């Protein structure tokens, strides 16, 4: 269960350990020019991040259920915040990606528990659907550690114009007993793409690949 959210998802613990949100951060990046050329319309991407406590910091646990449950709730909370930050309708989201940085008293598997079992479905719902696998990255880190969150087109992973990554960081997280969780959404591909390959217009959008 997540506690500490101010976005309508706050829940009371019903037994077991809770995962608390210490901080929410939103980053919006808008590129208007590259190499002296205007980018029209500007490309935009948003990252919604949560700094959460790690209930398994400093100890081994076989059952990581609390983090799996937190992942499901964060998929909705952060997915909606990223879309709202771009000021678009969910169906206008084009690329997505996810990542996590685990503090020193945790382990990489804690990030996997958040990102992989249950986060995807509510994240896809927040961005109006998506047939492609959601790309991910994870690492151990200290406060201020930067993470490149990979993204690609949400309906067809092989769309080359949308291969990208967004660097994110929180200056005071993760502390040893924390995890930074980041979801990224874009409303476009890279600025001025020109290396060929599959485009959004050409993609069949049937199998999540092409």
N, C-alpha and C. Protein backbone atom coordinates (compact mmCIF):
# COMPACT_ATOMS: atom_id res chain seq x y z
N UNK A 1 0.83 -1.20 0.00
CA UNK A 1 0.00 0.00 0.00
C UNK A 1 0.87 1.25 0.00
N UNK A 2 0.47 2.21 -0.77
CA UNK A 2 1.16 3.48 -0.80
C UNK A 2 0.51 4.43 0.18
N UNK A 3 1.30 5.17 0.91
CA UNK A 3 0.76 6.24 1.73
C UNK A 3 1.56 7.49 1.42
N UNK A 4 0.90 8.63 1.68
CA UNK A 4 1.61 9.88 1.46
C UNK A 4 1.27 10.53 0.15
N UNK A 5 0.42 9.89 -0.70
CA UNK A 5 0.05 10.49 -1.97
C UNK A 5 -0.99 11.58 -1.74
N UNK A 6 -0.93 12.63 -2.54
CA UNK A 6 -1.93 13.71 -2.48
C UNK A 6 -2.74 13.75 -3.76
N UNK A 7 -2.74 12.64 -4.50
CA UNK A 7 -3.41 12.62 -5.79
C UNK A 7 -4.60 11.67 -5.81
N UNK A 8 -5.19 11.46 -4.64
CA UNK A 8 -6.38 10.64 -4.61
C UNK A 8 -6.11 9.16 -4.49
N UNK A 9 -4.86 8.76 -4.39
CA UNK A 9 -4.56 7.34 -4.29
C UNK A 9 -4.14 6.96 -2.89
N UNK A 10 -4.18 7.92 -1.98
CA UNK A 10 -3.73 7.60 -0.64
C UNK A 10 -4.64 6.56 -0.02
N UNK A 11 -4.04 5.57 0.59
CA UNK A 11 -4.82 4.50 1.18
C UNK A 11 -4.31 4.23 2.58
N UNK A 12 -5.22 3.75 3.41
CA UNK A 12 -4.82 3.35 4.75
C UNK A 12 -4.23 1.96 4.70
N UNK A 13 -3.19 1.73 5.47
CA UNK A 13 -2.60 0.41 5.49
C UNK A 13 -3.61 -0.61 6.02
N UNK A 14 -3.63 -1.79 5.44
CA UNK A 14 -4.52 -2.86 5.88
C UNK A 14 -3.68 -4.04 6.33
N UNK A 15 -2.74 -3.78 7.17
CA UNK A 15 -1.83 -4.83 7.60
C UNK A 15 -0.62 -4.86 6.69
N UNK A 16 0.42 -5.49 7.17
CA UNK A 16 1.64 -5.54 6.37
C UNK A 16 2.35 -4.21 6.40
N UNK A 17 3.47 -4.16 5.72
CA UNK A 17 4.27 -2.95 5.72
C UNK A 17 3.79 -2.01 4.62
N UNK A 18 3.99 -0.73 4.85
CA UNK A 18 3.54 0.24 3.88
C UNK A 18 4.74 0.83 3.13
N UNK A 19 4.46 1.36 1.97
CA UNK A 19 5.44 2.06 1.17
C UNK A 19 5.01 3.52 1.14
N UNK A 20 5.85 4.38 1.69
CA UNK A 20 5.48 5.79 1.79
C UNK A 20 6.12 6.61 0.68
N UNK A 21 5.35 7.57 0.18
CA UNK A 21 5.89 8.52 -0.79
C UNK A 21 6.45 9.71 -0.02
N UNK A 22 7.74 9.98 -0.18
CA UNK A 22 8.34 11.16 0.47
C UNK A 22 8.26 12.38 -0.43
N UNK A 23 8.36 12.16 -1.72
CA UNK A 23 8.43 13.31 -2.62
C UNK A 23 7.95 12.91 -4.02
N UNK A 24 7.27 13.84 -4.67
CA UNK A 24 6.90 13.67 -6.08
C UNK A 24 7.59 14.77 -6.88
N UNK A 25 8.15 14.40 -8.02
CA UNK A 25 8.86 15.35 -8.87
C UNK A 25 8.38 15.18 -10.31
N UNK A 26 8.18 16.29 -10.99
CA UNK A 26 7.80 16.24 -12.41
C UNK A 26 8.78 17.08 -13.22
N UNK A 27 9.26 16.52 -14.30
CA UNK A 27 10.20 17.21 -15.19
C UNK A 27 9.59 17.25 -16.59
N UNK A 28 9.55 18.45 -17.18
CA UNK A 28 9.07 18.59 -18.56
C UNK A 28 10.18 19.19 -19.39
N UNK A 29 10.45 18.57 -20.51
CA UNK A 29 11.50 19.05 -21.42
C UNK A 29 10.87 19.34 -22.78
N UNK A 30 11.11 20.54 -23.28
CA UNK A 30 10.56 20.93 -24.59
C UNK A 30 11.70 21.42 -25.46
N UNK A 31 11.90 20.78 -26.60
CA UNK A 31 12.98 21.16 -27.50
C UNK A 31 12.40 21.96 -28.67
N UNK A 32 12.89 23.20 -28.81
CA UNK A 32 12.38 24.10 -29.85
C UNK A 32 13.34 24.29 -31.01
N UNK A 33 14.60 23.93 -30.81
CA UNK A 33 15.59 24.08 -31.88
C UNK A 33 16.73 23.10 -31.65
N UNK A 34 17.32 22.63 -32.76
CA UNK A 34 18.48 21.76 -32.72
C UNK A 34 19.38 22.13 -33.88
N UNK A 35 20.67 22.25 -33.61
CA UNK A 35 21.64 22.53 -34.66
C UNK A 35 21.25 23.73 -35.51
N UNK A 36 20.69 24.73 -34.87
CA UNK A 36 20.32 25.94 -35.56
C UNK A 36 19.03 25.86 -36.36
N UNK A 37 18.35 24.75 -36.29
CA UNK A 37 17.08 24.59 -37.01
C UNK A 37 15.92 24.54 -36.02
N UNK A 38 14.82 25.16 -36.42
CA UNK A 38 13.64 25.13 -35.58
C UNK A 38 13.04 23.72 -35.56
N UNK A 39 12.57 23.32 -34.42
CA UNK A 39 11.83 22.05 -34.29
C UNK A 39 10.35 22.43 -34.19
N UNK A 40 9.62 22.13 -35.26
CA UNK A 40 8.23 22.56 -35.36
C UNK A 40 7.32 21.37 -35.69
N UNK A 41 6.40 21.05 -34.80
CA UNK A 41 6.22 21.61 -33.47
C UNK A 41 7.32 21.13 -32.54
N UNK A 42 7.52 21.81 -31.43
CA UNK A 42 8.54 21.36 -30.48
C UNK A 42 8.27 19.93 -29.99
N UNK A 43 9.35 19.19 -29.74
CA UNK A 43 9.18 17.86 -29.15
C UNK A 43 9.15 18.01 -27.63
N UNK A 44 8.31 17.23 -27.01
CA UNK A 44 8.17 17.34 -25.56
C UNK A 44 8.14 15.96 -24.91
N UNK A 45 8.73 15.90 -23.74
CA UNK A 45 8.68 14.68 -22.95
C UNK A 45 8.60 15.07 -21.49
N UNK A 46 7.91 14.22 -20.72
CA UNK A 46 7.71 14.50 -19.30
C UNK A 46 8.06 13.26 -18.49
N UNK A 47 8.71 13.49 -17.36
CA UNK A 47 9.01 12.42 -16.42
C UNK A 47 8.30 12.72 -15.11
N UNK A 48 7.58 11.75 -14.61
CA UNK A 48 6.96 11.84 -13.29
C UNK A 48 7.68 10.85 -12.38
N UNK A 49 8.20 11.37 -11.26
CA UNK A 49 9.01 10.56 -10.36
C UNK A 49 8.41 10.54 -8.96
N UNK A 50 8.57 9.42 -8.30
CA UNK A 50 8.19 9.30 -6.89
C UNK A 50 9.39 8.78 -6.12
N UNK A 51 9.63 9.42 -4.98
CA UNK A 51 10.65 8.93 -4.04
C UNK A 51 9.90 8.19 -2.95
N UNK A 52 10.12 6.88 -2.87
CA UNK A 52 9.36 6.07 -1.91
C UNK A 52 10.31 5.38 -0.93
N UNK A 53 9.77 5.03 0.22
CA UNK A 53 10.56 4.25 1.18
C UNK A 53 10.64 2.80 0.70
N UNK A 54 11.73 2.16 1.04
CA UNK A 54 11.91 0.76 0.69
C UNK A 54 11.72 -0.09 1.95
N UNK A 55 10.58 -0.80 2.05
CA UNK A 55 10.32 -1.56 3.28
C UNK A 55 11.27 -2.73 3.48
N UNK A 56 12.05 -3.07 2.46
CA UNK A 56 12.97 -4.20 2.55
C UNK A 56 14.43 -3.77 2.64
N UNK A 57 14.65 -2.48 2.86
CA UNK A 57 16.03 -2.00 2.97
C UNK A 57 16.74 -2.68 4.13
N UNK A 58 17.93 -3.17 3.88
CA UNK A 58 18.76 -3.74 4.94
C UNK A 58 18.45 -5.17 5.30
N UNK A 59 17.55 -5.82 4.56
CA UNK A 59 17.24 -7.21 4.90
C UNK A 59 16.76 -7.94 3.67
N UNK A 60 16.92 -9.27 3.69
CA UNK A 60 16.45 -10.09 2.59
C UNK A 60 15.02 -10.53 2.87
N UNK A 61 14.17 -10.48 1.85
CA UNK A 61 12.81 -10.98 1.96
C UNK A 61 12.48 -11.76 0.69
N UNK A 62 11.88 -12.91 0.86
CA UNK A 62 11.50 -13.72 -0.30
C UNK A 62 10.29 -13.14 -1.02
N UNK A 63 9.35 -12.64 -0.23
CA UNK A 63 8.11 -12.09 -0.77
C UNK A 63 8.23 -10.57 -0.85
N UNK A 64 8.22 -10.05 -2.07
CA UNK A 64 8.34 -8.60 -2.28
C UNK A 64 6.99 -7.98 -2.64
N UNK A 65 5.94 -8.58 -2.11
CA UNK A 65 4.58 -8.17 -2.48
C UNK A 65 4.27 -6.71 -2.27
N UNK A 66 4.80 -6.11 -1.20
CA UNK A 66 4.50 -4.69 -0.95
C UNK A 66 5.02 -3.82 -2.09
N UNK A 67 6.17 -4.16 -2.63
CA UNK A 67 6.71 -3.37 -3.73
C UNK A 67 5.95 -3.64 -5.02
N UNK A 68 5.51 -4.88 -5.22
CA UNK A 68 4.70 -5.19 -6.41
C UNK A 68 3.41 -4.37 -6.38
N UNK A 69 2.77 -4.32 -5.20
CA UNK A 69 1.54 -3.55 -5.06
C UNK A 69 1.80 -2.06 -5.26
N UNK A 70 2.92 -1.58 -4.72
CA UNK A 70 3.27 -0.17 -4.91
C UNK A 70 3.47 0.14 -6.39
N UNK A 71 4.07 -0.81 -7.11
CA UNK A 71 4.26 -0.60 -8.54
C UNK A 71 2.96 -0.42 -9.28
N UNK A 72 1.97 -1.19 -8.93
CA UNK A 72 0.66 -1.06 -9.58
C UNK A 72 0.07 0.33 -9.33
N UNK A 73 0.16 0.80 -8.09
CA UNK A 73 -0.39 2.11 -7.77
C UNK A 73 0.42 3.24 -8.41
N UNK A 74 1.72 3.07 -8.47
CA UNK A 74 2.55 4.10 -9.09
C UNK A 74 2.37 4.15 -10.59
N UNK A 75 2.04 3.02 -11.20
CA UNK A 75 1.78 3.03 -12.64
C UNK A 75 0.66 3.98 -13.00
N UNK A 76 -0.37 4.00 -12.19
CA UNK A 76 -1.49 4.91 -12.43
C UNK A 76 -1.15 6.34 -12.03
N UNK A 77 -0.63 6.48 -10.81
CA UNK A 77 -0.35 7.83 -10.28
C UNK A 77 0.66 8.57 -11.17
N UNK A 78 1.79 7.96 -11.45
CA UNK A 78 2.83 8.65 -12.20
C UNK A 78 2.49 8.75 -13.69
N UNK A 79 1.81 7.74 -14.21
CA UNK A 79 1.41 7.81 -15.62
C UNK A 79 0.49 9.00 -15.87
N UNK A 80 -0.49 9.17 -14.99
CA UNK A 80 -1.42 10.30 -15.13
C UNK A 80 -0.70 11.63 -14.96
N UNK A 81 0.23 11.70 -14.01
CA UNK A 81 0.95 12.96 -13.78
C UNK A 81 1.80 13.34 -15.00
N UNK A 82 2.40 12.36 -15.64
CA UNK A 82 3.23 12.66 -16.81
C UNK A 82 2.37 13.17 -17.96
N UNK A 83 1.24 12.53 -18.18
CA UNK A 83 0.33 12.97 -19.26
C UNK A 83 -0.19 14.38 -18.96
N UNK A 84 -0.58 14.60 -17.72
CA UNK A 84 -1.08 15.93 -17.34
C UNK A 84 0.00 17.00 -17.50
N UNK A 85 1.23 16.65 -17.22
CA UNK A 85 2.32 17.62 -17.34
C UNK A 85 2.52 18.05 -18.79
N UNK A 86 2.23 17.16 -19.72
CA UNK A 86 2.34 17.51 -21.14
C UNK A 86 1.11 18.25 -21.65
N UNK A 87 0.02 18.22 -20.88
CA UNK A 87 -1.20 18.90 -21.29
C UNK A 87 -1.86 18.28 -22.49
N UNK A 88 -1.78 16.96 -22.59
CA UNK A 88 -2.35 16.25 -23.74
C UNK A 88 -3.40 15.26 -23.26
N UNK A 89 -4.20 14.78 -24.23
CA UNK A 89 -5.10 13.68 -23.91
C UNK A 89 -4.27 12.39 -23.82
N UNK A 90 -4.72 11.41 -23.06
CA UNK A 90 -3.95 10.16 -22.96
C UNK A 90 -3.64 9.54 -24.32
N UNK A 91 -4.58 9.57 -25.25
CA UNK A 91 -4.34 8.94 -26.55
C UNK A 91 -3.32 9.69 -27.39
N UNK A 92 -2.96 10.90 -27.00
CA UNK A 92 -1.95 11.67 -27.73
C UNK A 92 -0.53 11.34 -27.26
N UNK A 93 -0.40 10.57 -26.22
CA UNK A 93 0.94 10.13 -25.78
C UNK A 93 1.52 9.20 -26.84
N UNK A 94 2.79 9.36 -27.17
CA UNK A 94 3.40 8.56 -28.24
C UNK A 94 4.40 7.54 -27.72
N UNK A 95 5.29 7.95 -26.84
CA UNK A 95 6.30 7.03 -26.33
C UNK A 95 6.16 6.89 -24.82
N UNK A 96 6.67 5.73 -24.32
CA UNK A 96 6.68 5.56 -22.88
C UNK A 96 7.89 4.74 -22.44
N UNK A 97 8.20 4.87 -21.15
CA UNK A 97 9.31 4.12 -20.57
C UNK A 97 9.27 4.23 -19.06
N UNK A 98 10.06 3.37 -18.40
CA UNK A 98 10.02 3.33 -16.93
C UNK A 98 11.41 3.00 -16.39
N UNK A 99 11.65 3.40 -15.13
CA UNK A 99 12.94 3.10 -14.53
C UNK A 99 12.90 3.30 -13.04
N UNK A 100 13.94 2.81 -12.36
CA UNK A 100 14.02 2.95 -10.90
C UNK A 100 15.47 2.95 -10.46
N UNK A 101 15.74 3.72 -9.40
CA UNK A 101 17.05 3.77 -8.76
C UNK A 101 16.88 3.35 -7.31
N UNK A 102 17.62 2.32 -6.90
CA UNK A 102 17.48 1.77 -5.55
C UNK A 102 18.62 2.29 -4.68
N UNK A 103 18.29 2.74 -3.47
CA UNK A 103 19.29 3.19 -2.53
C UNK A 103 20.17 2.06 -2.03
N UNK A 104 21.28 2.41 -1.39
CA UNK A 104 22.35 1.45 -1.09
C UNK A 104 21.94 0.31 -0.17
N UNK A 105 20.91 0.49 0.66
CA UNK A 105 20.50 -0.58 1.56
C UNK A 105 19.51 -1.54 0.92
N UNK A 106 19.17 -1.29 -0.34
CA UNK A 106 18.26 -2.17 -1.05
C UNK A 106 19.01 -3.06 -2.02
N UNK A 107 18.27 -3.66 -2.95
CA UNK A 107 18.87 -4.49 -3.96
C UNK A 107 18.13 -4.29 -5.28
N UNK A 108 18.81 -4.65 -6.38
CA UNK A 108 18.24 -4.41 -7.70
C UNK A 108 16.89 -5.09 -7.88
N UNK A 109 16.70 -6.22 -7.22
CA UNK A 109 15.44 -6.95 -7.36
C UNK A 109 14.26 -6.13 -6.85
N UNK A 110 14.52 -5.20 -5.94
CA UNK A 110 13.45 -4.34 -5.44
C UNK A 110 12.90 -3.45 -6.56
N UNK A 111 13.78 -2.98 -7.42
CA UNK A 111 13.33 -2.21 -8.58
C UNK A 111 12.52 -3.08 -9.53
N UNK A 112 12.98 -4.32 -9.71
CA UNK A 112 12.26 -5.24 -10.59
C UNK A 112 10.85 -5.51 -10.07
N UNK A 113 10.71 -5.63 -8.75
CA UNK A 113 9.39 -5.89 -8.16
C UNK A 113 8.43 -4.74 -8.43
N UNK A 114 8.94 -3.53 -8.44
CA UNK A 114 8.08 -2.38 -8.71
C UNK A 114 7.75 -2.28 -10.19
N UNK A 115 8.74 -2.48 -11.04
CA UNK A 115 8.57 -2.15 -12.46
C UNK A 115 7.86 -3.22 -13.28
N UNK A 116 8.05 -4.51 -12.94
CA UNK A 116 7.67 -5.52 -13.92
C UNK A 116 6.33 -6.24 -13.70
N UNK A 117 5.99 -6.70 -12.48
CA UNK A 117 4.77 -7.52 -12.40
C UNK A 117 3.47 -6.79 -12.69
N UNK A 118 3.26 -5.58 -12.12
CA UNK A 118 1.92 -4.98 -12.18
C UNK A 118 1.89 -3.53 -12.62
N UNK A 119 3.01 -2.89 -12.80
CA UNK A 119 3.01 -1.46 -13.12
C UNK A 119 2.49 -1.18 -14.53
N UNK A 120 2.71 -2.11 -15.45
CA UNK A 120 2.45 -1.85 -16.85
C UNK A 120 1.00 -1.58 -17.20
N UNK A 121 0.07 -2.37 -16.68
CA UNK A 121 -1.34 -2.22 -17.06
C UNK A 121 -1.89 -0.84 -16.71
N UNK A 122 -1.74 -0.38 -15.47
CA UNK A 122 -2.27 0.97 -15.17
C UNK A 122 -1.51 2.07 -15.90
N UNK A 123 -0.22 1.86 -16.17
CA UNK A 123 0.53 2.87 -16.93
C UNK A 123 -0.03 2.96 -18.36
N UNK A 124 -0.26 1.80 -18.99
CA UNK A 124 -0.85 1.82 -20.33
C UNK A 124 -2.22 2.49 -20.32
N UNK A 125 -3.01 2.23 -19.31
CA UNK A 125 -4.32 2.86 -19.22
C UNK A 125 -4.18 4.37 -19.13
N UNK A 126 -3.19 4.83 -18.40
CA UNK A 126 -2.99 6.28 -18.23
C UNK A 126 -2.59 6.97 -19.52
N UNK A 127 -1.97 6.22 -20.45
CA UNK A 127 -1.51 6.83 -21.70
C UNK A 127 -2.39 6.41 -22.88
N UNK A 128 -3.60 5.93 -22.59
CA UNK A 128 -4.51 5.61 -23.67
C UNK A 128 -4.17 4.34 -24.42
N UNK A 129 -3.52 3.40 -23.74
CA UNK A 129 -3.18 2.11 -24.35
C UNK A 129 -1.76 2.08 -24.88
N UNK A 130 -1.33 0.87 -25.22
CA UNK A 130 0.02 0.68 -25.74
C UNK A 130 0.25 -0.79 -25.97
N UNK A 131 0.65 -1.17 -27.19
CA UNK A 131 0.85 -2.59 -27.52
C UNK A 131 2.30 -3.03 -27.38
N UNK A 132 3.21 -2.09 -27.40
CA UNK A 132 4.63 -2.43 -27.29
C UNK A 132 5.00 -2.67 -25.83
N UNK A 133 6.01 -3.52 -25.62
CA UNK A 133 6.57 -3.69 -24.29
C UNK A 133 7.06 -2.32 -23.79
N UNK A 134 6.96 -2.09 -22.50
CA UNK A 134 7.44 -0.81 -21.94
C UNK A 134 8.92 -0.97 -21.60
N UNK A 135 9.82 -0.25 -22.27
CA UNK A 135 11.25 -0.39 -21.99
C UNK A 135 11.57 0.09 -20.59
N UNK A 136 12.63 -0.48 -20.00
CA UNK A 136 12.92 -0.13 -18.62
C UNK A 136 14.42 -0.11 -18.36
N UNK A 137 14.79 0.53 -17.26
CA UNK A 137 16.17 0.52 -16.78
C UNK A 137 16.14 0.60 -15.27
N UNK A 138 17.18 0.08 -14.65
CA UNK A 138 17.25 0.10 -13.20
C UNK A 138 18.71 0.10 -12.78
N UNK A 139 18.99 0.70 -11.61
CA UNK A 139 20.35 0.73 -11.12
C UNK A 139 20.34 1.01 -9.62
N UNK A 140 21.47 0.75 -8.97
CA UNK A 140 21.67 1.18 -7.60
C UNK A 140 22.22 2.61 -7.65
N UNK A 141 21.97 3.39 -6.58
CA UNK A 141 22.45 4.75 -6.62
C UNK A 141 22.46 5.44 -5.27
N UNK A 142 23.00 6.64 -5.28
CA UNK A 142 23.05 7.52 -4.12
C UNK A 142 22.27 8.78 -4.46
N UNK A 143 22.04 9.69 -3.48
CA UNK A 143 21.30 10.92 -3.79
C UNK A 143 21.90 11.66 -4.99
N UNK A 144 21.04 12.01 -5.93
CA UNK A 144 21.48 12.73 -7.12
C UNK A 144 21.88 11.85 -8.28
N UNK A 145 21.84 10.54 -8.11
CA UNK A 145 22.19 9.64 -9.22
C UNK A 145 21.25 9.87 -10.40
N UNK A 146 21.84 9.91 -11.59
CA UNK A 146 21.05 10.11 -12.80
C UNK A 146 20.74 8.76 -13.44
N UNK A 147 19.55 8.65 -14.00
CA UNK A 147 19.13 7.42 -14.68
C UNK A 147 18.61 7.79 -16.06
N UNK A 148 19.08 7.10 -17.10
CA UNK A 148 18.52 7.27 -18.43
C UNK A 148 17.34 6.32 -18.57
N UNK A 149 16.14 6.88 -18.69
CA UNK A 149 14.94 6.06 -18.83
C UNK A 149 14.68 5.87 -20.33
N UNK A 150 14.77 4.63 -20.83
CA UNK A 150 14.57 4.41 -22.26
C UNK A 150 13.09 4.55 -22.63
N UNK A 151 12.86 5.05 -23.83
CA UNK A 151 11.48 5.16 -24.33
C UNK A 151 11.44 4.70 -25.78
N UNK A 152 10.27 4.23 -26.19
CA UNK A 152 10.00 3.99 -27.61
C UNK A 152 8.50 4.13 -27.86
N UNK A 153 8.15 4.11 -29.15
CA UNK A 153 6.75 4.33 -29.54
C UNK A 153 5.86 3.27 -28.88
N UNK A 154 4.75 3.69 -28.33
CA UNK A 154 3.96 2.81 -27.47
C UNK A 154 3.23 1.70 -28.21
N UNK A 155 3.00 1.85 -29.49
CA UNK A 155 2.26 0.82 -30.22
C UNK A 155 3.15 -0.06 -31.09
N UNK A 156 4.41 0.35 -31.33
CA UNK A 156 5.29 -0.43 -32.21
C UNK A 156 6.73 -0.09 -31.84
N UNK A 157 7.38 -1.01 -31.15
CA UNK A 157 8.70 -0.73 -30.58
C UNK A 157 9.77 -0.45 -31.63
N UNK A 158 9.57 -0.90 -32.88
CA UNK A 158 10.60 -0.74 -33.90
C UNK A 158 10.51 0.59 -34.66
N UNK A 159 9.63 1.47 -34.28
CA UNK A 159 9.55 2.79 -34.92
C UNK A 159 10.82 3.56 -34.56
N UNK A 160 11.68 3.77 -35.54
CA UNK A 160 13.03 4.28 -35.27
C UNK A 160 13.05 5.74 -34.84
N UNK A 161 12.08 6.51 -35.32
CA UNK A 161 12.05 7.94 -34.96
C UNK A 161 11.84 8.17 -33.47
N UNK A 162 11.41 7.14 -32.76
CA UNK A 162 11.07 7.31 -31.35
C UNK A 162 12.04 6.60 -30.40
N UNK A 163 13.12 5.98 -30.94
CA UNK A 163 14.13 5.41 -30.04
C UNK A 163 14.78 6.56 -29.28
N UNK A 164 14.73 6.52 -27.95
CA UNK A 164 15.27 7.65 -27.20
C UNK A 164 15.42 7.27 -25.73
N UNK A 165 15.91 8.19 -24.94
CA UNK A 165 15.98 8.02 -23.49
C UNK A 165 15.97 9.40 -22.86
N UNK A 166 15.39 9.49 -21.68
CA UNK A 166 15.34 10.77 -20.96
C UNK A 166 16.11 10.63 -19.64
N UNK A 167 17.14 11.46 -19.44
CA UNK A 167 17.86 11.42 -18.16
C UNK A 167 17.04 12.10 -17.06
N UNK A 168 16.98 11.45 -15.89
CA UNK A 168 16.23 12.02 -14.76
C UNK A 168 17.06 11.87 -13.50
N UNK A 169 16.84 12.74 -12.55
CA UNK A 169 17.50 12.66 -11.25
C UNK A 169 16.71 13.46 -10.24
N UNK A 170 16.86 13.08 -8.97
CA UNK A 170 16.30 13.83 -7.84
C UNK A 170 17.48 14.16 -6.94
N UNK A 171 17.69 15.42 -6.67
CA UNK A 171 18.94 15.85 -6.03
C UNK A 171 19.17 15.26 -4.65
N UNK A 172 18.12 14.89 -3.93
CA UNK A 172 18.32 14.35 -2.57
C UNK A 172 17.82 12.91 -2.43
N UNK A 173 17.76 12.20 -3.52
CA UNK A 173 17.27 10.82 -3.48
C UNK A 173 17.94 10.00 -4.59
N UNK A 174 18.06 8.65 -4.37
CA UNK A 174 17.52 7.93 -3.22
C UNK A 174 18.47 7.92 -2.03
N UNK A 175 17.94 8.10 -0.85
CA UNK A 175 18.70 7.81 0.36
C UNK A 175 18.81 6.29 0.49
N UNK A 176 19.59 5.83 1.45
CA UNK A 176 19.86 4.39 1.52
C UNK A 176 18.60 3.53 1.56
N UNK A 177 17.56 4.02 2.24
CA UNK A 177 16.35 3.22 2.41
C UNK A 177 15.22 3.68 1.50
N UNK A 178 15.57 4.23 0.33
CA UNK A 178 14.56 4.74 -0.59
C UNK A 178 14.75 4.16 -2.00
N UNK A 179 13.72 4.35 -2.79
CA UNK A 179 13.75 4.01 -4.22
C UNK A 179 13.14 5.17 -5.00
N UNK A 180 13.78 5.58 -6.06
CA UNK A 180 13.22 6.57 -6.98
C UNK A 180 12.60 5.81 -8.15
N UNK A 181 11.32 6.06 -8.39
CA UNK A 181 10.60 5.42 -9.50
C UNK A 181 10.25 6.50 -10.51
N UNK A 182 10.55 6.25 -11.78
CA UNK A 182 10.33 7.27 -12.82
C UNK A 182 9.57 6.68 -14.00
N UNK A 183 8.53 7.39 -14.43
CA UNK A 183 7.82 7.04 -15.66
C UNK A 183 7.95 8.21 -16.62
N UNK A 184 8.23 7.92 -17.89
CA UNK A 184 8.41 8.96 -18.90
C UNK A 184 7.39 8.78 -20.01
N UNK A 185 6.82 9.90 -20.44
CA UNK A 185 5.84 9.93 -21.54
C UNK A 185 6.25 11.04 -22.49
N UNK A 186 6.13 10.82 -23.79
CA UNK A 186 6.41 11.87 -24.77
C UNK A 186 5.19 12.12 -25.64
N UNK A 187 5.19 13.26 -26.30
CA UNK A 187 4.13 13.53 -27.29
C UNK A 187 4.69 13.50 -28.70
N UNK A 188 5.90 12.92 -28.86
CA UNK A 188 6.58 12.98 -30.16
C UNK A 188 7.80 12.08 -30.12
N UNK A 189 8.50 12.01 -31.26
CA UNK A 189 9.76 11.29 -31.31
C UNK A 189 10.92 12.24 -31.03
N UNK A 190 12.12 11.88 -31.54
CA UNK A 190 13.29 12.75 -31.33
C UNK A 190 13.16 14.02 -32.16
N UNK A 191 13.86 15.08 -31.75
CA UNK A 191 13.89 16.28 -32.59
C UNK A 191 14.61 16.00 -33.91
N UNK A 192 14.03 16.39 -35.01
CA UNK A 192 14.64 16.30 -36.35
C UNK A 192 15.18 14.90 -36.66
N UNK A 193 14.38 13.85 -36.53
CA UNK A 193 14.87 12.50 -36.84
C UNK A 193 15.13 12.36 -38.34
N UNK A 194 16.23 11.71 -38.70
CA UNK A 194 16.55 11.57 -40.13
C UNK A 194 17.52 10.40 -40.38
N UNK A 195 17.27 9.29 -39.67
CA UNK A 195 18.12 8.12 -39.89
C UNK A 195 17.32 6.96 -40.49
N UNK A 196 16.18 7.28 -41.10
CA UNK A 196 15.41 6.26 -41.80
C UNK A 196 14.70 5.31 -40.85
N UNK A 197 14.31 4.15 -41.39
CA UNK A 197 13.63 3.15 -40.59
C UNK A 197 12.13 3.37 -40.53
N UNK A 198 11.48 2.50 -39.78
CA UNK A 198 10.02 2.52 -39.66
C UNK A 198 9.54 3.82 -39.03
N UNK A 199 8.44 4.36 -39.58
CA UNK A 199 7.84 5.57 -39.03
C UNK A 199 6.49 5.24 -38.40
N UNK A 200 5.96 6.18 -37.65
CA UNK A 200 4.64 5.99 -37.04
C UNK A 200 3.59 5.76 -38.12
N UNK A 201 3.66 6.51 -39.20
CA UNK A 201 2.67 6.38 -40.27
C UNK A 201 2.74 5.01 -40.93
N UNK A 202 3.92 4.41 -40.99
CA UNK A 202 4.10 3.11 -41.65
C UNK A 202 3.81 1.93 -40.73
N UNK A 203 3.85 2.14 -39.44
CA UNK A 203 3.69 1.03 -38.50
C UNK A 203 2.28 0.45 -38.55
N UNK A 204 2.19 -0.89 -38.51
CA UNK A 204 0.88 -1.55 -38.52
C UNK A 204 0.24 -1.53 -37.13
N UNK A 205 1.06 -1.44 -36.11
CA UNK A 205 0.56 -1.31 -34.74
C UNK A 205 -0.32 -2.49 -34.33
N UNK A 206 0.08 -3.69 -34.75
CA UNK A 206 -0.72 -4.88 -34.45
C UNK A 206 -0.07 -5.77 -33.39
N UNK A 207 1.24 -5.91 -33.46
CA UNK A 207 1.91 -6.86 -32.57
C UNK A 207 2.84 -6.21 -31.54
N UNK A 208 2.83 -4.87 -31.51
CA UNK A 208 3.69 -4.17 -30.57
C UNK A 208 5.12 -4.00 -31.05
N UNK A 209 5.43 -4.56 -32.23
CA UNK A 209 6.79 -4.47 -32.75
C UNK A 209 6.88 -3.54 -33.96
N UNK A 210 6.07 -3.82 -35.01
CA UNK A 210 6.16 -3.04 -36.25
C UNK A 210 4.81 -2.45 -36.64
